[in-house]
Amino acid sequence: MTLTEVVVSAVILGISTQVSFQGWARTSQAAATSARIDQMVELLEQRLLASRRALARAPIADVDCRWDSEAVQGVLEGLPGGIDLEMSWRFDPSSDGLWLDVEPISADAAKAFRRTQLITPAGVGHCSKEVTNER
């Protein structure tokens, strides 16, 4: 092998090694980002599930199968606070439902993740009678 061939092969080896390390770095960064996303989605879902269970256990609907807004507010405010989550709610008079919104507190994650769920008294088992259209 001549000196030129040795130098060229060393340059090619150096470049391919650098490209390989960059590929591994990007792959590990993508894996870490994916793990953070999975953790955030799991926290959001756990928060919604805990809220839904708390609403299902508490006697917070009247006989007409409508939310008692003060009781609902008391139940939701009594839930333990999420470490990185913010929860808000609003009543929807058109469907007698309650919209729960859960999102991360950090501004970067809040743009990407926000979970909203409509919960009704009948949906969590507070309506014991069947509603019919008969008058």
Protein backbone atom coordinates (compact mmCIF):
# COMPACT_ATOMS: atom_id res chain seq x y z
CA MET A 1 0.00 0.00 0.00
CA THR A 2 1.24 3.43 -0.83
CA LEU A 3 1.16 6.41 1.48
CA THR A 4 -1.67 7.98 -0.53
CA GLU A 5 -3.83 4.87 -0.18
CA VAL A 6 -3.21 4.79 3.59
CA VAL A 7 -4.13 8.46 3.98
CA VAL A 8 -7.30 8.08 1.87
CA SER A 9 -8.40 5.00 3.79
CA ALA A 10 -7.76 6.79 7.12
CA VAL A 11 -9.87 9.76 6.00
CA ILE A 12 -12.68 7.46 4.87
CA LEU A 13 -12.53 5.59 8.18
CA GLY A 14 -12.62 8.87 10.13
CA ILE A 15 -15.60 10.22 8.20
CA SER A 16 -17.58 6.99 8.47
CA THR A 17 -16.87 6.82 12.22
CA GLN A 18 -18.09 10.38 12.71
CA VAL A 19 -21.27 9.75 10.72
CA SER A 20 -21.89 6.58 12.70
CA PHE A 21 -21.53 8.40 16.03
CA GLN A 22 -23.91 11.13 14.84
CA GLY A 23 -26.45 8.48 13.87
CA TRP A 24 -26.19 6.83 17.28
CA ALA A 25 -26.55 10.19 19.03
CA ARG A 26 -29.70 11.02 17.06
CA THR A 27 -31.14 7.58 17.73
CA SER A 28 -30.55 7.85 21.48
CA GLN A 29 -32.02 11.36 21.51
CA ALA A 30 -35.12 10.12 19.67
CA ALA A 31 -35.48 7.25 22.14
CA ALA A 32 -35.28 9.64 25.10
CA THR A 33 -37.84 11.97 23.53
CA SER A 34 -40.15 9.04 22.87
CA ALA A 35 -39.86 7.93 26.49
CA ARG A 36 -40.76 11.44 27.71
CA ILE A 37 -43.76 11.56 25.39
CA ASP A 38 -44.97 8.16 26.58
CA GLN A 39 -44.60 9.26 30.21
CA MET A 40 -46.55 12.49 29.57
CA VAL A 41 -49.38 10.65 27.81
CA GLU A 42 -49.55 8.15 30.67
CA LEU A 43 -49.75 10.98 33.25
CA LEU A 44 -52.56 12.66 31.30
CA GLU A 45 -54.53 9.43 31.05
CA GLN A 46 -54.01 8.62 34.74
CA ARG A 47 -55.26 12.06 35.73
CA LEU A 48 -58.40 11.70 33.61
CA LEU A 49 -59.02 8.21 34.99
CA ALA A 50 -58.62 9.41 38.59
CA SER A 51 -61.03 12.29 37.95
CA ARG A 52 -63.57 9.98 36.33
CA ARG A 53 -63.38 7.51 39.22
CA ALA A 54 -63.77 10.28 41.80
CA LEU A 55 -66.83 11.59 39.97
CA ALA A 56 -68.29 8.08 39.76
CA ARG A 57 -67.88 7.44 43.50
CA ALA A 58 -69.28 10.73 44.78
CA PRO A 59 -73.05 11.45 44.98
CA ILE A 60 -72.95 14.53 42.78
CA ALA A 61 -75.94 14.17 40.44
CA ASP A 62 -79.53 15.11 41.17
CA VAL A 63 -82.62 12.96 40.51
CA ASP A 64 -82.97 14.42 37.01
CA CYS A 65 -79.50 13.10 36.17
CA ARG A 66 -77.81 16.50 36.11
CA TRP A 67 -74.59 17.57 37.76
CA ASP A 68 -74.62 19.42 41.05
CA SER A 69 -72.00 21.98 40.06
CA GLU A 70 -70.86 22.82 43.60
CA ALA A 71 -70.45 19.15 44.50
CA VAL A 72 -68.54 18.46 41.29
CA GLN A 73 -66.26 21.39 41.98
CA GLY A 74 -65.64 20.12 45.50
CA VAL A 75 -64.76 16.63 44.26
CA LEU A 76 -62.43 17.86 41.52
CA GLU A 77 -60.69 20.37 43.78
CA GLY A 78 -60.23 17.62 46.37
CA LEU A 79 -58.14 15.52 44.00
CA PRO A 80 -54.40 15.56 44.66
CA GLY A 81 -52.56 17.94 42.38
CA GLY A 82 -50.56 16.62 39.48
CA ILE A 83 -46.85 17.26 39.56
CA ASP A 84 -46.59 18.60 36.01
CA LEU A 85 -50.27 18.78 35.06
CA GLU A 86 -52.95 21.41 35.10
CA MET A 87 -56.62 20.45 35.09
CA SER A 88 -59.60 22.64 34.29
CA TRP A 89 -63.28 21.92 33.79
CA ARG A 90 -66.37 23.54 32.40
CA PHE A 91 -70.01 22.55 32.33
CA ASP A 92 -71.75 22.10 29.00
CA PRO A 93 -75.44 22.98 29.38
CA SER A 94 -76.36 21.62 25.96
CA SER A 95 -75.37 18.05 26.85
CA ASP A 96 -75.57 18.17 30.66
CA GLY A 97 -71.94 17.18 30.55
CA LEU A 98 -68.70 18.19 32.13
CA TRP A 99 -65.64 18.86 29.99
CA LEU A 100 -62.37 17.97 31.71
CA ASP A 101 -59.17 19.41 30.25
CA VAL A 102 -55.77 18.13 31.34
CA GLU A 103 -52.53 19.52 30.00
CA PRO A 104 -48.90 19.77 31.01
CA ILE A 105 -47.78 22.89 32.83
CA SER A 106 -44.65 23.40 30.71
CA ALA A 107 -45.26 25.59 27.69
CA ASP A 108 -43.39 23.35 25.23
CA ALA A 109 -45.33 20.22 26.13
CA ALA A 110 -48.68 22.02 26.40
CA LYS A 111 -48.62 22.80 22.69
CA ALA A 112 -48.31 19.15 21.81
CA PHE A 113 -50.43 17.50 24.49
CA ARG A 114 -53.85 18.35 25.77
CA ARG A 115 -56.46 15.79 26.72
CA THR A 116 -60.13 16.73 26.82
CA GLN A 117 -62.94 14.41 27.83
CA LEU A 118 -66.70 14.86 28.13
CA ILE A 119 -68.15 13.20 31.22
CA THR A 120 -71.88 12.92 31.82
CA PRO A 121 -73.72 11.75 34.95
CA ALA A 122 -75.15 8.80 33.03
CA GLY A 123 -71.69 7.93 31.72
CA VAL A 124 -70.32 7.43 35.24
CA GLY A 125 -73.39 5.58 36.52
CA HIS A 126 -75.35 8.24 38.39
CA CYS A 127 -78.62 7.80 36.52
CA SER A 128 -80.58 4.89 37.90
CA LYS A 129 -83.69 5.30 35.79
CA GLU A 130 -83.93 4.94 32.06
CA VAL A 131 -84.96 8.07 30.22
CA THR A 132 -87.73 7.65 27.66
CA ASN A 133 -89.47 9.99 25.24
CA GLU A 134 -92.92 9.14 26.61
CA ARG A 135 -94.82 11.91 28.32
